[in-house]
Amino acid sequence: MTYAKTDELRARVIATIEEMTIAQRFMRPPPYKAVCRRLNKDGVTTGYGRKFDPTTLYALLYRSGYSGIWGVVKMKERN
């Protein structure tokens, strides 16, 4: 069972990671800290309303079926 708020959050996080990856010169995954800084700067918070940190970001991606940021980038390359 998923919740609409969780789906929105997941989509926003993945879109940010994809955007940051494309913005880089090479298709390398961005560092967790950089993604967290960007999400926090954009005002995206966790489901509990807290700021993102690398551990929280990894947990969200892992629960969503990705093997971290690397998994998001690899899925994007396949599609």
N, C-alpha and C. Protein backbone atom coordinates (compact mmCIF):
# COMPACT_ATOMS: atom_id res chain seq x y z
N MET A 1 0.84 -1.17 0.00
CA MET A 1 0.00 0.00 0.00
C MET A 1 0.89 1.24 0.00
N THR A 2 0.60 2.14 -0.89
CA THR A 2 1.34 3.39 -0.91
C THR A 2 0.38 4.55 -0.67
N TYR A 3 0.92 5.64 -0.25
CA TYR A 3 0.12 6.82 0.02
C TYR A 3 0.47 7.88 -1.01
N ALA A 4 -0.51 8.70 -1.34
CA ALA A 4 -0.30 9.74 -2.35
C ALA A 4 0.84 10.67 -1.97
N LYS A 5 0.94 11.02 -0.70
CA LYS A 5 2.01 11.92 -0.25
C LYS A 5 3.39 11.28 -0.46
N THR A 6 3.48 9.98 -0.18
CA THR A 6 4.73 9.26 -0.37
C THR A 6 5.09 9.18 -1.85
N ASP A 7 4.10 8.92 -2.68
CA ASP A 7 4.34 8.85 -4.12
C ASP A 7 4.82 10.19 -4.67
N GLU A 8 4.21 11.28 -4.20
CA GLU A 8 4.63 12.62 -4.60
C GLU A 8 6.07 12.89 -4.19
N LEU A 9 6.38 12.56 -2.94
CA LEU A 9 7.72 12.78 -2.41
C LEU A 9 8.75 11.98 -3.21
N ARG A 10 8.46 10.71 -3.45
CA ARG A 10 9.36 9.85 -4.21
C ARG A 10 9.59 10.41 -5.62
N ALA A 11 8.53 10.85 -6.27
CA ALA A 11 8.65 11.40 -7.62
C ALA A 11 9.50 12.67 -7.62
N ARG A 12 9.32 13.50 -6.61
CA ARG A 12 10.09 14.75 -6.53
C ARG A 12 11.57 14.47 -6.30
N VAL A 13 11.87 13.51 -5.42
CA VAL A 13 13.26 13.15 -5.12
C VAL A 13 13.93 12.56 -6.37
N ILE A 14 13.26 11.65 -7.04
CA ILE A 14 13.83 11.02 -8.23
C ILE A 14 14.02 12.05 -9.34
N ALA A 15 13.07 12.95 -9.51
CA ALA A 15 13.22 14.00 -10.52
C ALA A 15 14.42 14.89 -10.22
N THR A 16 14.64 15.19 -8.95
CA THR A 16 15.79 16.02 -8.56
C THR A 16 17.09 15.28 -8.87
N ILE A 17 17.15 14.00 -8.55
CA ILE A 17 18.37 13.22 -8.82
C ILE A 17 18.63 13.16 -10.32
N GLU A 18 17.59 12.91 -11.11
CA GLU A 18 17.77 12.86 -12.56
C GLU A 18 18.22 14.20 -13.12
N GLU A 19 17.63 15.27 -12.62
CA GLU A 19 18.00 16.62 -13.06
C GLU A 19 19.47 16.92 -12.73
N MET A 20 19.89 16.56 -11.53
CA MET A 20 21.27 16.82 -11.13
C MET A 20 22.25 15.96 -11.94
N THR A 21 21.84 14.74 -12.27
CA THR A 21 22.70 13.85 -13.05
C THR A 21 22.89 14.40 -14.45
N ILE A 22 21.81 14.85 -15.06
CA ILE A 22 21.88 15.40 -16.42
C ILE A 22 22.71 16.68 -16.44
N ALA A 23 22.60 17.48 -15.39
CA ALA A 23 23.33 18.75 -15.32
C ALA A 23 24.83 18.54 -15.23
N GLN A 24 25.25 17.37 -14.74
CA GLN A 24 26.68 17.09 -14.65
C GLN A 24 27.22 16.78 -16.04
N ARG A 25 28.46 16.94 -16.20
CA ARG A 25 29.09 16.72 -17.49
C ARG A 25 29.05 15.26 -17.91
N PHE A 26 29.29 14.38 -16.97
CA PHE A 26 29.25 12.95 -17.23
C PHE A 26 28.06 12.38 -16.48
N MET A 27 27.54 11.26 -16.93
CA MET A 27 26.36 10.66 -16.31
C MET A 27 26.74 9.91 -15.03
N ARG A 28 27.33 10.63 -14.10
CA ARG A 28 27.69 10.04 -12.80
C ARG A 28 26.64 10.45 -11.79
N PRO A 29 26.36 9.58 -10.85
CA PRO A 29 25.38 9.97 -9.82
C PRO A 29 25.94 11.07 -8.93
N PRO A 30 25.09 12.01 -8.55
CA PRO A 30 25.55 13.08 -7.66
C PRO A 30 25.72 12.54 -6.24
N PRO A 31 26.55 13.18 -5.43
CA PRO A 31 26.74 12.74 -4.04
C PRO A 31 25.45 12.92 -3.22
N TYR A 32 25.28 12.06 -2.23
CA TYR A 32 24.09 12.14 -1.38
C TYR A 32 23.96 13.52 -0.73
N LYS A 33 25.06 14.06 -0.24
CA LYS A 33 25.00 15.36 0.45
C LYS A 33 24.52 16.46 -0.49
N ALA A 34 24.97 16.40 -1.75
CA ALA A 34 24.56 17.42 -2.72
C ALA A 34 23.07 17.32 -3.01
N VAL A 35 22.56 16.11 -3.14
CA VAL A 35 21.12 15.92 -3.38
C VAL A 35 20.33 16.41 -2.18
N CYS A 36 20.79 16.08 -0.98
CA CYS A 36 20.10 16.54 0.24
C CYS A 36 20.09 18.05 0.34
N ARG A 37 21.21 18.68 0.04
CA ARG A 37 21.27 20.15 0.06
C ARG A 37 20.26 20.74 -0.91
N ARG A 38 20.19 20.17 -2.11
CA ARG A 38 19.27 20.67 -3.13
C ARG A 38 17.81 20.49 -2.69
N LEU A 39 17.48 19.31 -2.16
CA LEU A 39 16.12 19.07 -1.71
C LEU A 39 15.74 20.02 -0.58
N ASN A 40 16.65 20.21 0.37
CA ASN A 40 16.38 21.12 1.50
C ASN A 40 16.25 22.56 1.03
N LYS A 41 17.08 22.95 0.05
CA LYS A 41 17.01 24.31 -0.50
C LYS A 41 15.68 24.54 -1.21
N ASP A 42 15.19 23.49 -1.89
CA ASP A 42 13.91 23.59 -2.60
C ASP A 42 12.71 23.46 -1.68
N GLY A 43 12.95 23.21 -0.40
CA GLY A 43 11.86 23.13 0.56
C GLY A 43 11.17 21.78 0.63
N VAL A 44 11.80 20.74 0.06
CA VAL A 44 11.23 19.40 0.12
C VAL A 44 11.59 18.80 1.47
N THR A 45 10.59 18.26 2.16
CA THR A 45 10.84 17.65 3.47
C THR A 45 10.44 16.19 3.44
N THR A 46 10.88 15.46 4.43
CA THR A 46 10.52 14.04 4.55
C THR A 46 9.04 13.93 4.92
N GLY A 47 8.56 12.72 4.99
CA GLY A 47 7.17 12.51 5.37
C GLY A 47 6.85 13.02 6.76
N TYR A 48 7.87 13.14 7.59
CA TYR A 48 7.69 13.67 8.95
C TYR A 48 7.93 15.17 9.04
N GLY A 49 8.18 15.82 7.91
CA GLY A 49 8.40 17.26 7.89
C GLY A 49 9.81 17.68 8.24
N ARG A 50 10.75 16.74 8.26
CA ARG A 50 12.14 17.07 8.60
C ARG A 50 12.96 17.29 7.34
N LYS A 51 14.14 17.87 7.53
CA LYS A 51 15.06 18.06 6.42
C LYS A 51 15.68 16.72 6.03
N PHE A 52 16.08 16.62 4.77
CA PHE A 52 16.73 15.40 4.31
C PHE A 52 18.18 15.36 4.76
N ASP A 53 18.65 14.16 5.09
CA ASP A 53 20.07 13.90 5.30
C ASP A 53 20.38 12.64 4.49
N PRO A 54 21.66 12.33 4.29
CA PRO A 54 22.01 11.19 3.43
C PRO A 54 21.37 9.87 3.85
N THR A 55 21.26 9.61 5.14
CA THR A 55 20.66 8.36 5.61
C THR A 55 19.18 8.28 5.26
N THR A 56 18.48 9.39 5.45
CA THR A 56 17.06 9.43 5.13
C THR A 56 16.83 9.27 3.64
N LEU A 57 17.65 9.92 2.84
CA LEU A 57 17.54 9.81 1.39
C LEU A 57 17.76 8.37 0.94
N TYR A 58 18.81 7.74 1.47
CA TYR A 58 19.09 6.35 1.11
C TYR A 58 17.92 5.44 1.49
N ALA A 59 17.37 5.64 2.69
CA ALA A 59 16.26 4.80 3.16
C ALA A 59 15.04 4.96 2.25
N LEU A 60 14.73 6.18 1.85
CA LEU A 60 13.60 6.41 0.96
C LEU A 60 13.79 5.70 -0.37
N LEU A 61 14.98 5.83 -0.94
CA LEU A 61 15.26 5.18 -2.22
C LEU A 61 15.24 3.67 -2.09
N TYR A 62 15.80 3.14 -1.02
CA TYR A 62 15.85 1.69 -0.81
C TYR A 62 14.44 1.12 -0.66
N ARG A 63 13.60 1.81 0.11
CA ARG A 63 12.21 1.35 0.27
C ARG A 63 11.43 1.44 -1.03
N SER A 64 11.88 2.30 -1.93
CA SER A 64 11.21 2.47 -3.22
C SER A 64 11.71 1.49 -4.27
N GLY A 65 12.67 0.66 -3.90
CA GLY A 65 13.16 -0.36 -4.82
C GLY A 65 14.42 0.01 -5.58
N TYR A 66 15.06 1.10 -5.21
CA TYR A 66 16.31 1.51 -5.86
C TYR A 66 17.49 1.18 -4.95
N SER A 67 18.62 0.89 -5.55
CA SER A 67 19.81 0.64 -4.75
C SER A 67 20.57 1.96 -4.58
N GLY A 68 19.91 2.91 -3.97
CA GLY A 68 20.50 4.22 -3.75
C GLY A 68 20.45 5.08 -4.99
N ILE A 69 21.24 6.14 -4.99
CA ILE A 69 21.26 7.07 -6.12
C ILE A 69 21.75 6.36 -7.38
N TRP A 70 22.71 5.48 -7.22
CA TRP A 70 23.24 4.73 -8.36
C TRP A 70 22.11 3.97 -9.06
N GLY A 71 21.20 3.39 -8.31
CA GLY A 71 20.08 2.65 -8.88
C GLY A 71 19.15 3.54 -9.68
N VAL A 72 18.92 4.76 -9.21
CA VAL A 72 18.07 5.71 -9.95
C VAL A 72 18.72 6.04 -11.29
N VAL A 73 20.02 6.30 -11.28
CA VAL A 73 20.74 6.65 -12.50
C VAL A 73 20.73 5.47 -13.47
N LYS A 74 20.96 4.27 -12.98
CA LYS A 74 20.97 3.09 -13.85
C LYS A 74 19.61 2.83 -14.45
N MET A 75 18.53 3.02 -13.67
CA MET A 75 17.18 2.84 -14.20
C MET A 75 16.90 3.86 -15.32
N LYS A 76 17.38 5.08 -15.13
CA LYS A 76 17.20 6.12 -16.13
C LYS A 76 17.93 5.75 -17.42
N GLU A 77 19.14 5.18 -17.29
CA GLU A 77 19.90 4.79 -18.46
C GLU A 77 19.20 3.67 -19.24
N ARG A 78 18.53 2.78 -18.54
CA ARG A 78 17.83 1.66 -19.19
C ARG A 78 16.60 2.11 -19.95
N ASN A 79 15.95 3.15 -19.45
CA ASN A 79 14.69 3.62 -20.08
C ASN A 79 14.93 4.63 -21.13
